[in-house]
Structure formats: C-alpha cells, structure tokens
N, C-alpha and C. Protein backbone atom coordinates (compact mmCIF):
# COMPACT_ATOMS: atom_id res chain seq x y z
N MET A 1 107.67 118.20 110.55
CA MET A 1 108.83 118.35 109.70
C MET A 1 109.09 119.85 109.51
N SER A 2 110.37 120.25 109.63
CA SER A 2 110.73 121.66 109.47
C SER A 2 110.73 122.05 107.99
N ILE A 3 110.72 123.35 107.73
CA ILE A 3 110.75 123.83 106.35
C ILE A 3 112.06 123.44 105.67
N ALA A 4 113.16 123.40 106.43
CA ALA A 4 114.44 122.96 105.86
C ALA A 4 114.34 121.49 105.43
N GLU A 5 113.65 120.68 106.21
CA GLU A 5 113.46 119.27 105.85
C GLU A 5 112.55 119.15 104.63
N TRP A 6 111.53 120.00 104.54
CA TRP A 6 110.67 120.00 103.35
C TRP A 6 111.48 120.36 102.12
N HIS A 7 112.35 121.37 102.26
CA HIS A 7 113.19 121.76 101.12
C HIS A 7 114.09 120.60 100.70
N ALA A 8 114.67 119.92 101.68
CA ALA A 8 115.53 118.77 101.36
C ALA A 8 114.74 117.67 100.65
N ALA A 9 113.49 117.49 101.04
CA ALA A 9 112.67 116.45 100.42
C ALA A 9 112.25 116.83 99.00
N LEU A 10 112.05 118.11 98.75
CA LEU A 10 111.55 118.57 97.45
C LEU A 10 112.65 118.84 96.42
N ASN A 11 113.85 119.13 96.88
CA ASN A 11 114.87 119.61 95.95
C ASN A 11 115.52 118.54 95.09
N ASP A 12 115.18 117.29 95.27
CA ASP A 12 115.72 116.24 94.39
C ASP A 12 114.96 116.15 93.07
N PHE A 13 113.72 116.58 93.07
CA PHE A 13 112.90 116.46 91.87
C PHE A 13 113.39 117.28 90.67
N PRO A 14 113.70 118.57 90.85
CA PRO A 14 114.11 119.35 89.67
C PRO A 14 115.34 118.81 88.94
N PRO A 15 116.44 118.46 89.64
CA PRO A 15 117.57 117.92 88.87
C PRO A 15 117.23 116.63 88.14
N ALA A 16 116.49 115.74 88.79
CA ALA A 16 116.15 114.47 88.15
C ALA A 16 115.25 114.69 86.94
N LEU A 17 114.20 115.47 87.12
CA LEU A 17 113.24 115.67 86.03
C LEU A 17 113.83 116.49 84.88
N LEU A 18 114.56 117.56 85.21
CA LEU A 18 115.09 118.42 84.15
C LEU A 18 116.25 117.77 83.42
N LEU A 19 117.09 117.01 84.12
CA LEU A 19 118.13 116.25 83.44
C LEU A 19 117.49 115.19 82.54
N ALA A 20 116.47 114.51 83.04
CA ALA A 20 115.76 113.51 82.22
C ALA A 20 115.14 114.18 80.99
N SER A 21 114.60 115.37 81.16
CA SER A 21 114.02 116.09 80.03
C SER A 21 115.05 116.33 78.94
N VAL A 22 116.22 116.81 79.32
CA VAL A 22 117.29 117.09 78.35
C VAL A 22 117.74 115.80 77.67
N VAL A 23 117.90 114.74 78.45
CA VAL A 23 118.34 113.46 77.87
C VAL A 23 117.28 112.92 76.91
N PHE A 24 116.01 112.93 77.34
CA PHE A 24 114.95 112.46 76.44
C PHE A 24 114.91 113.28 75.15
N ASP A 25 115.05 114.60 75.28
CA ASP A 25 115.03 115.46 74.09
C ASP A 25 116.21 115.16 73.15
N LEU A 26 117.40 115.01 73.72
CA LEU A 26 118.58 114.74 72.88
C LEU A 26 118.49 113.39 72.19
N VAL A 27 118.11 112.36 72.94
CA VAL A 27 117.99 111.02 72.35
C VAL A 27 116.82 110.98 71.38
N GLY A 28 115.71 111.63 71.74
CA GLY A 28 114.56 111.69 70.84
C GLY A 28 114.89 112.37 69.53
N ALA A 29 115.68 113.44 69.57
CA ALA A 29 116.08 114.13 68.34
C ALA A 29 117.05 113.26 67.53
N ALA A 30 117.99 112.61 68.22
CA ALA A 30 118.98 111.79 67.52
C ALA A 30 118.34 110.58 66.85
N LYS A 31 117.33 110.02 67.49
CA LYS A 31 116.68 108.80 66.96
C LYS A 31 115.36 109.09 66.26
N SER A 32 114.99 110.37 66.17
CA SER A 32 113.71 110.78 65.57
C SER A 32 112.53 110.04 66.19
N ARG A 33 112.50 110.04 67.53
CA ARG A 33 111.44 109.35 68.27
C ARG A 33 110.56 110.37 68.97
N ASP A 34 109.35 110.51 68.48
CA ASP A 34 108.41 111.47 69.06
C ASP A 34 108.02 111.10 70.50
N THR A 35 108.02 109.81 70.81
CA THR A 35 107.65 109.39 72.17
C THR A 35 108.70 109.88 73.17
N LEU A 36 109.97 109.87 72.79
CA LEU A 36 111.01 110.38 73.69
C LEU A 36 110.92 111.89 73.82
N LYS A 37 110.60 112.57 72.72
CA LYS A 37 110.42 114.03 72.79
C LYS A 37 109.23 114.37 73.69
N ALA A 38 108.17 113.57 73.62
CA ALA A 38 107.01 113.79 74.50
C ALA A 38 107.40 113.57 75.96
N ALA A 39 108.19 112.54 76.22
CA ALA A 39 108.67 112.31 77.58
C ALA A 39 109.51 113.49 78.05
N GLY A 40 110.35 114.03 77.16
CA GLY A 40 111.14 115.21 77.48
C GLY A 40 110.27 116.40 77.83
N PHE A 41 109.20 116.58 77.07
CA PHE A 41 108.26 117.68 77.32
C PHE A 41 107.63 117.55 78.71
N TRP A 42 107.11 116.37 79.03
CA TRP A 42 106.43 116.19 80.31
C TRP A 42 107.39 116.25 81.48
N CYS A 43 108.61 115.78 81.30
CA CYS A 43 109.62 115.92 82.36
C CYS A 43 109.96 117.40 82.56
N LEU A 44 110.01 118.16 81.45
CA LEU A 44 110.28 119.60 81.53
C LEU A 44 109.18 120.30 82.32
N VAL A 45 107.93 120.04 81.99
CA VAL A 45 106.81 120.70 82.66
C VAL A 45 106.81 120.35 84.15
N ALA A 46 106.96 119.06 84.45
CA ALA A 46 106.99 118.64 85.86
C ALA A 46 108.22 119.21 86.57
N GLY A 47 109.36 119.20 85.91
CA GLY A 47 110.59 119.72 86.51
C GLY A 47 110.52 121.22 86.77
N ALA A 48 109.95 121.97 85.84
CA ALA A 48 109.81 123.41 86.03
C ALA A 48 108.87 123.70 87.20
N GLY A 49 107.79 122.94 87.29
CA GLY A 49 106.87 123.11 88.41
C GLY A 49 107.52 122.76 89.74
N MET A 50 108.23 121.66 89.78
CA MET A 50 108.89 121.25 91.02
C MET A 50 110.04 122.19 91.38
N ALA A 51 110.71 122.74 90.37
CA ALA A 51 111.77 123.72 90.65
C ALA A 51 111.17 124.95 91.34
N THR A 52 110.00 125.35 90.89
CA THR A 52 109.33 126.49 91.52
C THR A 52 109.01 126.19 92.98
N VAL A 53 108.49 125.01 93.23
CA VAL A 53 108.16 124.59 94.60
C VAL A 53 109.44 124.51 95.45
N ALA A 54 110.50 123.96 94.88
CA ALA A 54 111.76 123.84 95.62
C ALA A 54 112.35 125.22 95.94
N VAL A 55 112.26 126.16 95.00
CA VAL A 55 112.76 127.51 95.25
C VAL A 55 111.97 128.17 96.38
N VAL A 56 110.65 128.05 96.33
CA VAL A 56 109.83 128.66 97.38
C VAL A 56 110.18 128.05 98.74
N SER A 57 110.31 126.73 98.80
CA SER A 57 110.65 126.10 100.08
C SER A 57 112.05 126.51 100.53
N GLY A 58 112.97 126.68 99.59
CA GLY A 58 114.32 127.13 99.94
C GLY A 58 114.33 128.55 100.47
N LEU A 59 113.54 129.43 99.86
CA LEU A 59 113.46 130.81 100.34
C LEU A 59 112.88 130.86 101.76
N LEU A 60 111.90 130.02 102.03
CA LEU A 60 111.33 129.96 103.37
C LEU A 60 112.31 129.34 104.36
N ALA A 61 113.06 128.34 103.93
CA ALA A 61 114.01 127.66 104.80
C ALA A 61 115.21 128.54 105.14
N GLU A 62 115.56 129.44 104.24
CA GLU A 62 116.75 130.27 104.44
C GLU A 62 116.71 131.02 105.77
N ASP A 63 115.58 131.57 106.11
CA ASP A 63 115.47 132.34 107.35
C ASP A 63 115.32 131.46 108.58
N ALA A 64 115.07 130.18 108.37
CA ALA A 64 114.82 129.28 109.50
C ALA A 64 116.07 128.52 109.94
N VAL A 65 117.19 128.70 109.22
CA VAL A 65 118.40 127.94 109.57
C VAL A 65 119.44 128.86 110.22
N GLU A 66 120.22 128.26 111.12
CA GLU A 66 121.33 128.99 111.73
C GLU A 66 122.45 129.05 110.70
N LYS A 67 123.10 130.24 110.61
CA LYS A 67 124.11 130.42 109.56
C LYS A 67 125.35 131.11 110.09
N THR A 68 126.47 130.73 109.50
CA THR A 68 127.70 131.50 109.65
C THR A 68 127.78 132.43 108.44
N ALA A 69 128.75 133.33 108.43
CA ALA A 69 128.93 134.23 107.29
C ALA A 69 129.24 133.44 106.02
N ALA A 70 130.07 132.40 106.14
CA ALA A 70 130.43 131.59 104.97
C ALA A 70 129.21 130.85 104.43
N VAL A 71 128.41 130.29 105.32
CA VAL A 71 127.20 129.58 104.90
C VAL A 71 126.22 130.56 104.26
N ASP A 72 126.11 131.75 104.81
CA ASP A 72 125.21 132.75 104.24
C ASP A 72 125.61 133.09 102.80
N ARG A 73 126.92 133.23 102.55
CA ARG A 73 127.39 133.52 101.19
C ARG A 73 127.09 132.35 100.25
N MET A 74 127.31 131.12 100.73
CA MET A 74 127.01 129.94 99.89
C MET A 74 125.53 129.85 99.59
N ILE A 75 124.70 130.15 100.59
CA ILE A 75 123.25 130.13 100.37
C ILE A 75 122.87 131.16 99.31
N ASP A 76 123.48 132.34 99.37
CA ASP A 76 123.17 133.38 98.37
C ASP A 76 123.49 132.90 96.96
N THR A 77 124.63 132.25 96.78
CA THR A 77 125.00 131.73 95.45
C THR A 77 124.05 130.62 95.03
N HIS A 78 123.78 129.69 95.94
CA HIS A 78 122.84 128.59 95.67
C HIS A 78 121.47 129.14 95.28
N GLU A 79 121.01 130.12 96.03
CA GLU A 79 119.71 130.74 95.78
C GLU A 79 119.67 131.44 94.42
N MET A 80 120.70 132.21 94.10
CA MET A 80 120.74 132.94 92.82
C MET A 80 120.73 131.96 91.65
N LEU A 81 121.51 130.90 91.76
CA LEU A 81 121.52 129.89 90.69
C LEU A 81 120.17 129.20 90.59
N ALA A 82 119.61 128.82 91.72
CA ALA A 82 118.33 128.09 91.70
C ALA A 82 117.20 128.95 91.11
N ILE A 83 117.15 130.20 91.49
CA ILE A 83 116.11 131.09 90.94
C ILE A 83 116.33 131.29 89.44
N SER A 84 117.58 131.53 89.04
CA SER A 84 117.88 131.74 87.61
C SER A 84 117.51 130.52 86.77
N VAL A 85 117.88 129.35 87.26
CA VAL A 85 117.59 128.11 86.53
C VAL A 85 116.08 127.86 86.48
N THR A 86 115.39 128.15 87.56
CA THR A 86 113.94 127.97 87.58
C THR A 86 113.27 128.89 86.57
N VAL A 87 113.68 130.16 86.54
CA VAL A 87 113.13 131.10 85.56
C VAL A 87 113.41 130.60 84.14
N LEU A 88 114.63 130.12 83.90
CA LEU A 88 114.98 129.59 82.58
C LEU A 88 114.07 128.43 82.19
N PHE A 89 113.92 127.44 83.07
CA PHE A 89 113.14 126.26 82.71
C PHE A 89 111.64 126.54 82.65
N VAL A 90 111.15 127.44 83.47
CA VAL A 90 109.74 127.85 83.34
C VAL A 90 109.56 128.52 81.98
N GLY A 91 110.52 129.35 81.60
CA GLY A 91 110.46 130.00 80.27
C GLY A 91 110.53 128.99 79.14
N LEU A 92 111.41 128.00 79.26
CA LEU A 92 111.52 126.96 78.22
C LEU A 92 110.23 126.15 78.13
N ALA A 93 109.63 125.85 79.29
CA ALA A 93 108.36 125.12 79.28
C ALA A 93 107.27 125.95 78.61
N ALA A 94 107.21 127.23 78.94
CA ALA A 94 106.21 128.12 78.32
C ALA A 94 106.43 128.20 76.81
N TRP A 95 107.68 128.28 76.40
CA TRP A 95 108.01 128.34 74.97
C TRP A 95 107.53 127.08 74.26
N ARG A 96 107.80 125.92 74.85
CA ARG A 96 107.36 124.67 74.22
C ARG A 96 105.85 124.57 74.18
N ILE A 97 105.19 125.01 75.23
CA ILE A 97 103.72 124.98 75.23
C ILE A 97 103.19 125.93 74.15
N TRP A 98 103.73 127.13 74.10
CA TRP A 98 103.30 128.13 73.11
C TRP A 98 103.53 127.63 71.69
N ARG A 99 104.66 126.97 71.44
CA ARG A 99 104.99 126.48 70.10
C ARG A 99 104.39 125.09 69.85
N ARG A 100 103.60 124.59 70.79
CA ARG A 100 102.97 123.27 70.70
C ARG A 100 104.01 122.17 70.45
N ASN A 101 105.16 122.35 71.09
CA ASN A 101 106.24 121.36 71.06
C ASN A 101 106.80 121.15 69.65
N ARG A 102 106.66 122.13 68.79
CA ARG A 102 107.21 122.05 67.43
C ARG A 102 108.09 123.27 67.18
N PHE A 103 109.38 123.01 66.96
CA PHE A 103 110.34 124.08 66.75
C PHE A 103 110.92 124.03 65.35
N SER A 104 111.30 125.20 64.85
CA SER A 104 112.11 125.22 63.63
C SER A 104 113.51 124.72 64.00
N VAL A 105 114.34 124.48 63.02
CA VAL A 105 115.70 123.99 63.28
C VAL A 105 116.45 124.98 64.17
N GLN A 106 116.35 126.27 63.85
CA GLN A 106 117.05 127.28 64.65
C GLN A 106 116.50 127.34 66.08
N GLU A 107 115.18 127.27 66.21
CA GLU A 107 114.59 127.27 67.55
C GLU A 107 115.04 126.05 68.34
N GLN A 108 115.08 124.91 67.69
CA GLN A 108 115.49 123.68 68.37
C GLN A 108 116.92 123.79 68.86
N GLN A 109 117.80 124.36 68.04
CA GLN A 109 119.19 124.54 68.45
C GLN A 109 119.30 125.48 69.65
N SER A 110 118.56 126.57 69.61
CA SER A 110 118.57 127.52 70.73
C SER A 110 118.00 126.88 71.99
N TYR A 111 116.90 126.17 71.83
CA TYR A 111 116.27 125.49 72.97
C TYR A 111 117.23 124.47 73.58
N THR A 112 117.86 123.67 72.72
CA THR A 112 118.76 122.63 73.21
C THR A 112 119.95 123.23 73.95
N MET A 113 120.54 124.28 73.39
CA MET A 113 121.67 124.93 74.05
C MET A 113 121.25 125.50 75.40
N ALA A 114 120.13 126.18 75.45
CA ALA A 114 119.66 126.77 76.70
C ALA A 114 119.36 125.68 77.74
N SER A 115 118.75 124.58 77.32
CA SER A 115 118.41 123.53 78.28
C SER A 115 119.65 122.81 78.79
N VAL A 116 120.64 122.60 77.95
CA VAL A 116 121.88 121.95 78.39
C VAL A 116 122.63 122.86 79.38
N VAL A 117 122.76 124.14 79.04
CA VAL A 117 123.41 125.08 79.95
C VAL A 117 122.62 125.17 81.26
N GLY A 118 121.29 125.20 81.16
CA GLY A 118 120.45 125.26 82.34
C GLY A 118 120.61 124.06 83.25
N VAL A 119 120.68 122.88 82.67
CA VAL A 119 120.81 121.69 83.51
C VAL A 119 122.20 121.63 84.15
N LEU A 120 123.22 122.11 83.46
CA LEU A 120 124.56 122.17 84.08
C LEU A 120 124.57 123.15 85.25
N ALA A 121 123.92 124.30 85.09
CA ALA A 121 123.82 125.26 86.19
C ALA A 121 123.00 124.67 87.34
N LEU A 122 121.96 123.93 87.02
CA LEU A 122 121.14 123.30 88.05
C LEU A 122 121.94 122.27 88.84
N LEU A 123 122.75 121.49 88.14
CA LEU A 123 123.58 120.50 88.83
C LEU A 123 124.59 121.18 89.75
N TRP A 124 125.11 122.34 89.34
CA TRP A 124 126.03 123.08 90.20
C TRP A 124 125.28 123.61 91.42
N ALA A 125 124.06 124.12 91.23
CA ALA A 125 123.26 124.59 92.36
C ALA A 125 122.98 123.43 93.33
N ALA A 126 122.70 122.26 92.80
CA ALA A 126 122.47 121.08 93.64
C ALA A 126 123.73 120.70 94.40
N HIS A 127 124.88 120.80 93.74
CA HIS A 127 126.16 120.52 94.39
C HIS A 127 126.37 121.49 95.56
N LEU A 128 126.10 122.77 95.34
CA LEU A 128 126.24 123.74 96.42
C LEU A 128 125.30 123.43 97.58
N GLY A 129 124.07 123.05 97.25
CA GLY A 129 123.11 122.68 98.29
C GLY A 129 123.58 121.48 99.09
N GLY A 130 124.14 120.50 98.40
CA GLY A 130 124.69 119.34 99.10
C GLY A 130 125.84 119.73 100.02
N ASN A 131 126.71 120.61 99.53
CA ASN A 131 127.82 121.08 100.38
C ASN A 131 127.31 121.83 101.60
N LEU A 132 126.25 122.61 101.42
CA LEU A 132 125.69 123.34 102.55
C LEU A 132 125.27 122.38 103.67
N VAL A 133 124.64 121.28 103.29
CA VAL A 133 124.15 120.35 104.29
C VAL A 133 125.25 119.42 104.78
N TYR A 134 125.99 118.79 103.86
CA TYR A 134 126.91 117.73 104.25
C TYR A 134 128.29 118.21 104.69
N ARG A 135 128.66 119.42 104.35
CA ARG A 135 129.96 119.94 104.80
C ARG A 135 129.83 121.06 105.83
N HIS A 136 128.70 121.75 105.82
CA HIS A 136 128.52 122.89 106.71
C HIS A 136 127.34 122.74 107.66
N ALA A 137 126.62 121.63 107.57
CA ALA A 137 125.50 121.32 108.46
C ALA A 137 124.40 122.38 108.45
N ALA A 138 124.25 123.07 107.32
CA ALA A 138 123.17 124.06 107.21
C ALA A 138 121.83 123.35 107.34
N GLY A 139 120.96 123.94 108.11
CA GLY A 139 119.64 123.35 108.32
C GLY A 139 119.58 122.40 109.50
N ILE A 140 120.72 122.12 110.10
CA ILE A 140 120.74 121.24 111.27
C ILE A 140 120.91 122.11 112.51
N PRO A 141 119.93 122.15 113.38
CA PRO A 141 120.04 123.00 114.58
C PRO A 141 121.26 122.61 115.42
N THR A 142 121.85 123.61 116.05
CA THR A 142 123.07 123.40 116.84
C THR A 142 122.87 122.34 117.91
N ASP A 143 121.73 122.37 118.61
CA ASP A 143 121.51 121.38 119.67
C ASP A 143 121.44 119.96 119.13
N VAL A 144 120.86 119.79 117.96
CA VAL A 144 120.79 118.47 117.32
C VAL A 144 122.20 118.02 116.92
N MET A 145 122.97 118.94 116.35
CA MET A 145 124.33 118.62 115.92
C MET A 145 125.20 118.25 117.13
N GLN A 146 125.07 119.00 118.23
CA GLN A 146 125.85 118.69 119.43
C GLN A 146 125.48 117.33 119.99
N ALA A 147 124.21 117.00 120.00
CA ALA A 147 123.77 115.68 120.49
C ALA A 147 124.32 114.58 119.59
N GLU A 148 124.34 114.80 118.29
CA GLU A 148 124.88 113.80 117.36
C GLU A 148 126.38 113.62 117.57
N ILE A 149 127.10 114.70 117.77
CA ILE A 149 128.54 114.62 118.01
C ILE A 149 128.81 113.81 119.28
N LYS A 150 128.02 114.07 120.32
CA LYS A 150 128.18 113.32 121.57
C LYS A 150 127.88 111.84 121.35
N ASP A 151 126.79 111.52 120.64
CA ASP A 151 126.44 110.13 120.37
C ASP A 151 127.54 109.43 119.58
N ARG A 152 128.11 110.12 118.61
CA ARG A 152 129.20 109.51 117.82
C ARG A 152 130.43 109.26 118.69
N ALA A 153 130.75 110.21 119.55
CA ALA A 153 131.91 110.04 120.44
C ALA A 153 131.67 108.88 121.40
N ASP A 154 130.46 108.78 121.93
CA ASP A 154 130.13 107.67 122.84
C ASP A 154 130.19 106.34 122.09
N SER A 155 129.69 106.29 120.87
CA SER A 155 129.74 105.06 120.07
C SER A 155 131.17 104.66 119.76
N ALA A 156 132.01 105.64 119.47
CA ALA A 156 133.41 105.35 119.18
C ALA A 156 134.12 104.83 120.41
N SER A 157 133.80 105.40 121.58
CA SER A 157 134.40 104.93 122.83
C SER A 157 133.99 103.50 123.13
N ARG A 158 132.72 103.18 122.92
CA ARG A 158 132.24 101.81 123.15
C ARG A 158 132.90 100.84 122.18
N ALA A 159 133.11 101.25 120.95
CA ALA A 159 133.73 100.38 119.95
C ALA A 159 135.18 100.09 120.32
N VAL A 160 135.89 101.07 120.86
CA VAL A 160 137.30 100.90 121.26
C VAL A 160 137.38 99.96 122.46
N GLU A 161 136.40 100.04 123.36
CA GLU A 161 136.39 99.20 124.56
C GLU A 161 136.18 97.73 124.23
N ARG A 162 135.55 97.45 123.12
CA ARG A 162 135.23 96.05 122.77
C ARG A 162 136.42 95.40 122.24
C-alpha cells in the first residue's frame, strides 16, 4: 500500500472522532451527563492522536503524488488547515488532561467555542482532501488513471453494443 493510500485510510478518523467529541460534550453539558462528557474526552484524546498520525501520513504522501500547480495550491491549503486543527485539538486535549476534565464556566465556554470552530475547520480540510482525490485525482498515478479511463471507455462501448 502506498503512503497516499495509508493517508486515505487514516484521515477518516479525526473528523469522526473530533466531531463525536464535540457532540458528546455539547449533549453532555445540556443534559448534565458525566458519561457523555467522558465519552467526549476519550473521543478528543483519540481524535487528537489520530489527527497527528493523519498529518504525518499526509506530509509524507505530499511528496509521493504527482501534482499540477492547482493541486499543489489545494494541498498547501489542506495541509495548513490540517496542521492548525491538529495543533488546536492536541492543545485542547492537553488542557482537559491538565484540568482533569473540570472547567470553570468561563473555561468551558472558551473550550466549547474553540472546539466547535476547530471541528468546522477540520470538516473544511476534509472537504478539500476529498476534492483533491475525487475531482483532481491527487494520489492516483497517471498510468493507473489512464488504464482506468481506457477500461471505462471499453465498458461503455460494450454497453452500447448490447
């Protein structure tokens, strides 16, 4: 498996875990449920860890893919957002660990705002990553793409003949 394929396999975890963390925290706060807040904490820790792994795999994959100038610019934006969001969520996880998952009202408001903004930025980074692959074929070697185009054309020709 190529490093680009590893990145594709790993990059689903951070949005799922970090979005779940924010949802668990918001619902846990609204319903005063410590079990949901605990689930939010563990999703945050796992999501921050997986975001770090996804960023590292993305940085390694960047040099391994064929790029156009437009794709290179999109990768730069995707990378900057992904690194920024990872730093934010690692910081939020460290803050929660340091505070033993107990915040004052003001801290909770700041934490909640930062995590909501962070997850929105993460979803945008994920959107850009999806566009890179599904609209620009980033990470797909040219020879593989050419073979797929030929196979699709041959399949379409066979379908018309039937």
